[in-house]
Amino acid sequence: MAPETHPNLMATGPETRLPEDPALDQLSKRGMEQFMDIVRENPTSSLCWALLAEASLITKTPEDDIAAYAYARTGYHRGLDALRRSGWKGSGPVPWDHVPNQGFLRCLWALGEAAGRIGETDEAERCAQFLRDCSEEAHQVLTGEA
């Protein structure tokens, strides 16, 4: 496990738990064959953007790395909006074990991965630290350290 670059100030505030994501229910009922329709119907869903980003990261081509970066950045910002609507003030944990938080956390991880692949080292490091600050468990799960 990599050492933190600064104290985790996020861990001191109240936990933020996002509301249920309707896209998750739609994915379980309608399946992945209708995925793009579900994305169109749920453009604010961080989970949808995370799934798009993660799929793009799998191929590891420069074009797909750029697509992953764009997808992840979109989902990340949608997630920040949702966190703020849920009372998040820029600090406090965003627990991984609360399933609706996982879309945002997955976007944050994917953004860091894609940033690193396209040479945005500072952004990749910021995202990695922000993920750890939000949820050490998410960091461990998403990086395979768990």
N, C-alpha and C. Protein backbone atom coordinates (compact mmCIF):
# COMPACT_ATOMS: atom_id res chain seq x y z
N MET A 1 0.85 -1.17 0.00
CA MET A 1 0.00 0.00 0.00
C MET A 1 0.89 1.23 0.00
N ALA A 2 0.62 2.15 -0.91
CA ALA A 2 1.42 3.37 -1.03
C ALA A 2 1.11 4.32 0.13
N PRO A 3 2.11 5.02 0.63
CA PRO A 3 1.86 5.97 1.71
C PRO A 3 1.06 7.16 1.20
N GLU A 4 0.27 7.73 2.10
CA GLU A 4 -0.48 8.93 1.74
C GLU A 4 0.49 10.09 1.60
N THR A 5 0.16 11.00 0.69
CA THR A 5 1.04 12.15 0.48
C THR A 5 0.71 13.28 1.44
N HIS A 6 -0.42 13.21 2.09
CA HIS A 6 -0.82 14.21 3.08
C HIS A 6 -1.87 13.59 3.99
N PRO A 7 -2.16 14.19 5.13
CA PRO A 7 -3.17 13.62 6.02
C PRO A 7 -4.53 13.59 5.35
N ASN A 8 -5.29 12.55 5.64
CA ASN A 8 -6.62 12.40 5.05
C ASN A 8 -7.61 13.28 5.80
N LEU A 9 -7.82 14.48 5.29
CA LEU A 9 -8.77 15.41 5.90
C LEU A 9 -10.21 15.00 5.62
N MET A 10 -10.42 14.20 4.59
CA MET A 10 -11.77 13.77 4.23
C MET A 10 -12.36 12.82 5.27
N ALA A 11 -11.52 12.08 5.96
CA ALA A 11 -12.00 11.05 6.87
C ALA A 11 -12.66 11.62 8.12
N THR A 12 -12.54 12.91 8.36
CA THR A 12 -13.02 13.47 9.61
C THR A 12 -14.47 13.92 9.58
N GLY A 13 -15.06 14.12 8.43
CA GLY A 13 -16.43 14.62 8.35
C GLY A 13 -17.44 13.49 8.34
N PRO A 14 -18.72 13.85 8.22
CA PRO A 14 -19.76 12.82 8.15
C PRO A 14 -19.73 12.09 6.80
N GLU A 15 -20.16 10.84 6.82
CA GLU A 15 -20.25 10.07 5.58
C GLU A 15 -21.33 10.65 4.68
N THR A 16 -21.08 10.57 3.37
CA THR A 16 -22.09 10.96 2.41
C THR A 16 -22.56 9.72 1.69
N ARG A 17 -23.87 9.55 1.64
CA ARG A 17 -24.48 8.40 0.99
C ARG A 17 -25.42 8.92 -0.09
N LEU A 18 -25.08 8.61 -1.33
CA LEU A 18 -25.89 9.06 -2.45
C LEU A 18 -27.21 8.30 -2.50
N PRO A 19 -28.23 8.91 -3.11
CA PRO A 19 -29.50 8.20 -3.28
C PRO A 19 -29.35 7.07 -4.32
N GLU A 20 -30.31 6.19 -4.33
CA GLU A 20 -30.29 5.08 -5.29
C GLU A 20 -30.17 5.61 -6.71
N ASP A 21 -29.43 4.88 -7.52
CA ASP A 21 -29.24 5.22 -8.93
C ASP A 21 -30.23 4.41 -9.75
N PRO A 22 -31.19 5.05 -10.42
CA PRO A 22 -32.18 4.28 -11.19
C PRO A 22 -31.55 3.45 -12.30
N ALA A 23 -30.38 3.83 -12.79
CA ALA A 23 -29.72 3.06 -13.84
C ALA A 23 -29.36 1.66 -13.36
N LEU A 24 -29.00 1.52 -12.09
CA LEU A 24 -28.65 0.21 -11.55
C LEU A 24 -29.83 -0.75 -11.65
N ASP A 25 -31.00 -0.29 -11.26
CA ASP A 25 -32.20 -1.11 -11.34
C ASP A 25 -32.52 -1.45 -12.80
N GLN A 26 -32.37 -0.45 -13.68
CA GLN A 26 -32.65 -0.70 -15.10
C GLN A 26 -31.67 -1.71 -15.68
N LEU A 27 -30.40 -1.63 -15.31
CA LEU A 27 -29.41 -2.59 -15.80
C LEU A 27 -29.75 -4.00 -15.34
N SER A 28 -30.22 -4.14 -14.10
CA SER A 28 -30.55 -5.48 -13.60
C SER A 28 -31.81 -6.02 -14.26
N LYS A 29 -32.74 -5.16 -14.61
CA LYS A 29 -34.00 -5.62 -15.23
C LYS A 29 -33.89 -5.77 -16.74
N ARG A 30 -33.20 -4.85 -17.40
CA ARG A 30 -33.17 -4.83 -18.86
C ARG A 30 -31.92 -5.45 -19.44
N GLY A 31 -30.87 -5.53 -18.67
CA GLY A 31 -29.65 -6.17 -19.13
C GLY A 31 -28.74 -5.26 -19.93
N MET A 32 -27.55 -5.75 -20.14
CA MET A 32 -26.52 -4.98 -20.83
C MET A 32 -26.79 -4.81 -22.32
N GLU A 33 -27.63 -5.64 -22.90
CA GLU A 33 -27.92 -5.47 -24.32
C GLU A 33 -28.65 -4.16 -24.60
N GLN A 34 -29.23 -3.57 -23.60
CA GLN A 34 -29.89 -2.26 -23.74
C GLN A 34 -29.09 -1.15 -23.05
N PHE A 35 -27.81 -1.40 -22.84
CA PHE A 35 -26.98 -0.48 -22.06
C PHE A 35 -26.98 0.94 -22.60
N MET A 36 -26.76 1.11 -23.90
CA MET A 36 -26.68 2.47 -24.45
C MET A 36 -28.01 3.21 -24.30
N ASP A 37 -29.11 2.51 -24.39
CA ASP A 37 -30.41 3.14 -24.14
C ASP A 37 -30.51 3.59 -22.69
N ILE A 38 -30.01 2.77 -21.78
CA ILE A 38 -30.04 3.11 -20.36
C ILE A 38 -29.16 4.33 -20.10
N VAL A 39 -28.00 4.42 -20.75
CA VAL A 39 -27.13 5.59 -20.60
C VAL A 39 -27.87 6.84 -21.08
N ARG A 40 -28.50 6.74 -22.25
CA ARG A 40 -29.24 7.90 -22.78
C ARG A 40 -30.36 8.34 -21.84
N GLU A 41 -30.99 7.38 -21.20
CA GLU A 41 -32.10 7.68 -20.28
C GLU A 41 -31.63 8.18 -18.92
N ASN A 42 -30.36 7.96 -18.61
CA ASN A 42 -29.80 8.30 -17.29
C ASN A 42 -28.47 9.03 -17.42
N PRO A 43 -28.44 10.18 -18.09
CA PRO A 43 -27.15 10.85 -18.32
C PRO A 43 -26.48 11.37 -17.06
N THR A 44 -27.19 11.42 -15.94
CA THR A 44 -26.57 11.87 -14.69
C THR A 44 -26.01 10.71 -13.87
N SER A 45 -26.15 9.49 -14.36
CA SER A 45 -25.69 8.32 -13.62
C SER A 45 -24.18 8.14 -13.72
N SER A 46 -23.50 8.31 -12.61
CA SER A 46 -22.05 8.07 -12.59
C SER A 46 -21.75 6.61 -12.90
N LEU A 47 -22.63 5.71 -12.49
CA LEU A 47 -22.39 4.29 -12.77
C LEU A 47 -22.32 4.04 -14.27
N CYS A 48 -23.23 4.62 -15.04
CA CYS A 48 -23.19 4.44 -16.50
C CYS A 48 -21.88 4.94 -17.09
N TRP A 49 -21.45 6.12 -16.66
CA TRP A 49 -20.20 6.69 -17.17
C TRP A 49 -19.01 5.85 -16.72
N ALA A 50 -19.07 5.30 -15.51
CA ALA A 50 -17.99 4.43 -15.03
C ALA A 50 -17.89 3.18 -15.89
N LEU A 51 -19.02 2.58 -16.22
CA LEU A 51 -19.01 1.38 -17.05
C LEU A 51 -18.44 1.66 -18.43
N LEU A 52 -18.80 2.81 -19.00
CA LEU A 52 -18.24 3.20 -20.29
C LEU A 52 -16.72 3.39 -20.19
N ALA A 53 -16.28 4.08 -19.15
CA ALA A 53 -14.85 4.33 -18.97
C ALA A 53 -14.09 3.02 -18.77
N GLU A 54 -14.60 2.16 -17.92
CA GLU A 54 -13.93 0.90 -17.63
C GLU A 54 -13.84 0.03 -18.89
N ALA A 55 -14.88 0.02 -19.69
CA ALA A 55 -14.86 -0.75 -20.94
C ALA A 55 -13.78 -0.20 -21.88
N SER A 56 -13.64 1.11 -21.92
CA SER A 56 -12.61 1.72 -22.77
C SER A 56 -11.21 1.44 -22.25
N LEU A 57 -11.05 1.37 -20.94
CA LEU A 57 -9.73 1.10 -20.36
C LEU A 57 -9.25 -0.32 -20.65
N ILE A 58 -10.16 -1.23 -20.88
CA ILE A 58 -9.79 -2.63 -21.09
C ILE A 58 -8.93 -2.80 -22.34
N THR A 59 -9.24 -2.06 -23.40
CA THR A 59 -8.54 -2.27 -24.67
C THR A 59 -7.13 -1.70 -24.70
N LYS A 60 -6.87 -0.68 -23.92
CA LYS A 60 -5.54 -0.09 -23.78
C LYS A 60 -5.00 0.50 -25.08
N THR A 61 -5.87 0.98 -25.96
CA THR A 61 -5.39 1.70 -27.14
C THR A 61 -5.38 3.19 -26.81
N PRO A 62 -4.55 3.99 -27.48
CA PRO A 62 -4.53 5.43 -27.20
C PRO A 62 -5.91 6.08 -27.41
N GLU A 63 -6.61 5.66 -28.43
CA GLU A 63 -7.94 6.24 -28.69
C GLU A 63 -8.91 5.91 -27.56
N ASP A 64 -8.87 4.66 -27.11
CA ASP A 64 -9.77 4.26 -26.04
C ASP A 64 -9.37 4.87 -24.70
N ASP A 65 -8.08 5.12 -24.50
CA ASP A 65 -7.65 5.81 -23.28
C ASP A 65 -8.23 7.22 -23.22
N ILE A 66 -8.27 7.89 -24.37
CA ILE A 66 -8.86 9.23 -24.43
C ILE A 66 -10.36 9.16 -24.19
N ALA A 67 -11.02 8.17 -24.78
CA ALA A 67 -12.46 7.99 -24.54
C ALA A 67 -12.72 7.71 -23.07
N ALA A 68 -11.89 6.85 -22.47
CA ALA A 68 -12.06 6.53 -21.05
C ALA A 68 -11.92 7.78 -20.20
N TYR A 69 -10.95 8.61 -20.53
CA TYR A 69 -10.74 9.86 -19.80
C TYR A 69 -12.00 10.73 -19.88
N ALA A 70 -12.55 10.87 -21.07
CA ALA A 70 -13.75 11.70 -21.24
C ALA A 70 -14.95 11.11 -20.51
N TYR A 71 -15.16 9.82 -20.64
CA TYR A 71 -16.27 9.18 -19.94
C TYR A 71 -16.12 9.33 -18.42
N ALA A 72 -14.91 9.05 -17.93
CA ALA A 72 -14.69 9.11 -16.49
C ALA A 72 -14.83 10.53 -15.96
N ARG A 73 -14.33 11.50 -16.70
CA ARG A 73 -14.45 12.89 -16.26
C ARG A 73 -15.92 13.31 -16.20
N THR A 74 -16.70 12.88 -17.18
CA THR A 74 -18.14 13.19 -17.16
C THR A 74 -18.80 12.59 -15.93
N GLY A 75 -18.56 11.31 -15.69
CA GLY A 75 -19.15 10.64 -14.53
C GLY A 75 -18.67 11.21 -13.21
N TYR A 76 -17.42 11.59 -13.16
CA TYR A 76 -16.84 12.21 -11.96
C TYR A 76 -17.57 13.51 -11.63
N HIS A 77 -17.76 14.35 -12.64
CA HIS A 77 -18.44 15.62 -12.39
C HIS A 77 -19.92 15.41 -12.06
N ARG A 78 -20.56 14.45 -12.72
CA ARG A 78 -21.95 14.12 -12.36
C ARG A 78 -22.01 13.64 -10.91
N GLY A 79 -21.02 12.86 -10.51
CA GLY A 79 -20.96 12.38 -9.13
C GLY A 79 -20.73 13.49 -8.12
N LEU A 80 -19.83 14.43 -8.46
CA LEU A 80 -19.62 15.57 -7.56
C LEU A 80 -20.92 16.36 -7.38
N ASP A 81 -21.64 16.55 -8.47
CA ASP A 81 -22.94 17.24 -8.38
C ASP A 81 -23.88 16.50 -7.44
N ALA A 82 -23.96 15.18 -7.59
CA ALA A 82 -24.84 14.37 -6.73
C ALA A 82 -24.39 14.41 -5.28
N LEU A 83 -23.08 14.34 -5.05
CA LEU A 83 -22.57 14.43 -3.68
C LEU A 83 -22.97 15.75 -3.04
N ARG A 84 -22.79 16.84 -3.77
CA ARG A 84 -23.15 18.16 -3.22
C ARG A 84 -24.64 18.24 -2.92
N ARG A 85 -25.47 17.69 -3.81
CA ARG A 85 -26.92 17.68 -3.56
C ARG A 85 -27.26 16.85 -2.32
N SER A 86 -26.40 15.90 -1.99
CA SER A 86 -26.61 15.04 -0.83
C SER A 86 -25.97 15.58 0.44
N GLY A 87 -25.48 16.82 0.38
CA GLY A 87 -24.96 17.48 1.57
C GLY A 87 -23.46 17.46 1.72
N TRP A 88 -22.75 16.86 0.79
CA TRP A 88 -21.29 16.82 0.86
C TRP A 88 -20.74 18.22 0.67
N LYS A 89 -19.83 18.62 1.53
CA LYS A 89 -19.25 19.97 1.49
C LYS A 89 -17.78 19.95 1.08
N GLY A 90 -17.37 18.89 0.40
CA GLY A 90 -15.99 18.79 -0.03
C GLY A 90 -15.11 18.05 0.95
N SER A 91 -15.70 17.52 2.00
CA SER A 91 -14.94 16.72 2.96
C SER A 91 -15.85 15.66 3.55
N GLY A 92 -15.22 14.66 4.11
CA GLY A 92 -15.96 13.55 4.69
C GLY A 92 -15.92 12.34 3.78
N PRO A 93 -16.01 11.16 4.38
CA PRO A 93 -15.90 9.93 3.60
C PRO A 93 -17.11 9.69 2.69
N VAL A 94 -16.83 8.98 1.61
CA VAL A 94 -17.84 8.53 0.65
C VAL A 94 -17.70 7.00 0.64
N PRO A 95 -18.42 6.30 1.52
CA PRO A 95 -18.15 4.88 1.73
C PRO A 95 -18.45 3.99 0.52
N TRP A 96 -17.51 3.11 0.23
CA TRP A 96 -17.63 2.15 -0.86
C TRP A 96 -18.76 1.16 -0.61
N ASP A 97 -19.00 0.78 0.64
CA ASP A 97 -20.01 -0.24 0.91
C ASP A 97 -21.43 0.25 0.68
N HIS A 98 -21.62 1.52 0.43
CA HIS A 98 -22.94 2.06 0.04
C HIS A 98 -22.99 2.03 -1.49
N VAL A 99 -23.71 1.08 -2.05
CA VAL A 99 -23.69 0.81 -3.49
C VAL A 99 -23.91 2.05 -4.35
N PRO A 100 -24.84 2.95 -4.04
CA PRO A 100 -25.00 4.13 -4.90
C PRO A 100 -23.76 5.03 -4.99
N ASN A 101 -22.84 4.93 -4.03
CA ASN A 101 -21.59 5.70 -4.09
C ASN A 101 -20.58 5.10 -5.08
N GLN A 102 -20.76 3.85 -5.44
CA GLN A 102 -19.75 3.16 -6.21
C GLN A 102 -19.57 3.72 -7.62
N GLY A 103 -20.61 4.25 -8.24
CA GLY A 103 -20.46 4.85 -9.57
C GLY A 103 -19.48 6.01 -9.55
N PHE A 104 -19.65 6.91 -8.58
CA PHE A 104 -18.72 8.04 -8.45
C PHE A 104 -17.30 7.56 -8.18
N LEU A 105 -17.16 6.63 -7.23
CA LEU A 105 -15.82 6.15 -6.86
C LEU A 105 -15.16 5.43 -8.02
N ARG A 106 -15.92 4.68 -8.78
CA ARG A 106 -15.37 4.00 -9.96
C ARG A 106 -14.95 5.01 -11.02
N CYS A 107 -15.72 6.08 -11.19
CA CYS A 107 -15.32 7.14 -12.13
C CYS A 107 -14.03 7.81 -11.68
N LEU A 108 -13.92 8.07 -10.40
CA LEU A 108 -12.71 8.69 -9.87
C LEU A 108 -11.50 7.80 -10.13
N TRP A 109 -11.63 6.50 -9.89
CA TRP A 109 -10.54 5.57 -10.18
C TRP A 109 -10.22 5.55 -11.67
N ALA A 110 -11.26 5.44 -12.51
CA ALA A 110 -11.04 5.37 -13.97
C ALA A 110 -10.41 6.66 -14.49
N LEU A 111 -10.81 7.80 -13.92
CA LEU A 111 -10.22 9.07 -14.34
C LEU A 111 -8.72 9.09 -14.05
N GLY A 112 -8.35 8.61 -12.88
CA GLY A 112 -6.94 8.54 -12.55
C GLY A 112 -6.17 7.59 -13.46
N GLU A 113 -6.75 6.44 -13.74
CA GLU A 113 -6.11 5.48 -14.64
C GLU A 113 -5.93 6.07 -16.04
N ALA A 114 -7.00 6.65 -16.57
CA ALA A 114 -6.94 7.21 -17.92
C ALA A 114 -5.99 8.40 -17.97
N ALA A 115 -6.00 9.22 -16.93
CA ALA A 115 -5.09 10.37 -16.89
C ALA A 115 -3.65 9.90 -16.95
N GLY A 116 -3.33 8.87 -16.22
CA GLY A 116 -1.98 8.33 -16.26
C GLY A 116 -1.60 7.82 -17.64
N ARG A 117 -2.53 7.19 -18.31
CA ARG A 117 -2.26 6.65 -19.64
C ARG A 117 -2.05 7.72 -20.70
N ILE A 118 -2.67 8.88 -20.51
CA ILE A 118 -2.50 9.93 -21.52
C ILE A 118 -1.43 10.95 -21.10
N GLY A 119 -0.71 10.64 -20.03
CA GLY A 119 0.42 11.47 -19.63
C GLY A 119 0.10 12.59 -18.66
N GLU A 120 -1.09 12.60 -18.10
CA GLU A 120 -1.47 13.61 -17.10
C GLU A 120 -1.11 13.08 -15.72
N THR A 121 0.17 13.03 -15.44
CA THR A 121 0.66 12.42 -14.21
C THR A 121 0.13 13.13 -12.96
N ASP A 122 0.13 14.44 -12.95
CA ASP A 122 -0.37 15.18 -11.78
C ASP A 122 -1.84 14.86 -11.53
N GLU A 123 -2.64 14.81 -12.59
CA GLU A 123 -4.06 14.49 -12.45
C GLU A 123 -4.24 13.06 -11.94
N ALA A 124 -3.45 12.14 -12.46
CA ALA A 124 -3.53 10.75 -12.00
C ALA A 124 -3.22 10.65 -10.51
N GLU A 125 -2.21 11.37 -10.06
CA GLU A 125 -1.84 11.35 -8.65
C GLU A 125 -2.91 12.00 -7.78
N ARG A 126 -3.49 13.10 -8.25
CA ARG A 126 -4.57 13.76 -7.50
C ARG A 126 -5.77 12.84 -7.37
N CYS A 127 -6.13 12.17 -8.46
CA CYS A 127 -7.28 11.26 -8.43
C CYS A 127 -7.03 10.09 -7.48
N ALA A 128 -5.83 9.53 -7.52
CA ALA A 128 -5.51 8.42 -6.63
C ALA A 128 -5.61 8.84 -5.17
N GLN A 129 -5.09 10.03 -4.86
CA GLN A 129 -5.16 10.51 -3.48
C GLN A 129 -6.60 10.82 -3.08
N PHE A 130 -7.36 11.43 -3.99
CA PHE A 130 -8.76 11.76 -3.70
C PHE A 130 -9.56 10.49 -3.47
N LEU A 131 -9.30 9.45 -4.25
CA LEU A 131 -10.00 8.17 -4.05
C LEU A 131 -9.68 7.61 -2.68
N ARG A 132 -8.42 7.63 -2.29
CA ARG A 132 -8.04 7.14 -0.96
C ARG A 132 -8.69 7.98 0.13
N ASP A 133 -8.74 9.29 -0.08
CA ASP A 133 -9.35 10.17 0.90
C ASP A 133 -10.85 9.91 1.04
N CYS A 134 -11.50 9.62 -0.07
CA CYS A 134 -12.95 9.33 -0.04
C CYS A 134 -13.23 7.98 0.59
N SER A 135 -12.45 6.97 0.16
CA SER A 135 -12.70 5.61 0.62
C SER A 135 -11.46 4.75 0.39
N GLU A 136 -10.77 4.43 1.45
CA GLU A 136 -9.62 3.53 1.34
C GLU A 136 -10.07 2.17 0.82
N GLU A 137 -11.25 1.75 1.24
CA GLU A 137 -11.77 0.46 0.74
C GLU A 137 -11.96 0.49 -0.77
N ALA A 138 -12.52 1.57 -1.30
CA ALA A 138 -12.69 1.69 -2.76
C ALA A 138 -11.34 1.62 -3.44
N HIS A 139 -10.36 2.33 -2.89
CA HIS A 139 -9.01 2.30 -3.48
C HIS A 139 -8.50 0.86 -3.54
N GLN A 140 -8.62 0.15 -2.45
CA GLN A 140 -8.11 -1.22 -2.40
C GLN A 140 -8.84 -2.14 -3.37
N VAL A 141 -10.16 -2.03 -3.43
CA VAL A 141 -10.94 -2.87 -4.33
C VAL A 141 -10.63 -2.56 -5.78
N LEU A 142 -10.62 -1.29 -6.12
CA LEU A 142 -10.47 -0.90 -7.53
C LEU A 142 -9.04 -1.07 -8.05
N THR A 143 -8.07 -1.00 -7.17
CA THR A 143 -6.68 -1.19 -7.61
C THR A 143 -6.22 -2.64 -7.45
N GLY A 144 -7.09 -3.48 -6.93
CA GLY A 144 -6.75 -4.89 -6.76
C GLY A 144 -5.93 -5.18 -5.53
N GLU A 145 -5.84 -4.23 -4.62
CA GLU A 145 -5.07 -4.44 -3.39
C GLU A 145 -5.88 -5.15 -2.31
N ALA A 146 -7.19 -5.28 -2.52
CA ALA A 146 -8.04 -5.89 -1.48
C ALA A 146 -7.90 -7.39 -1.48
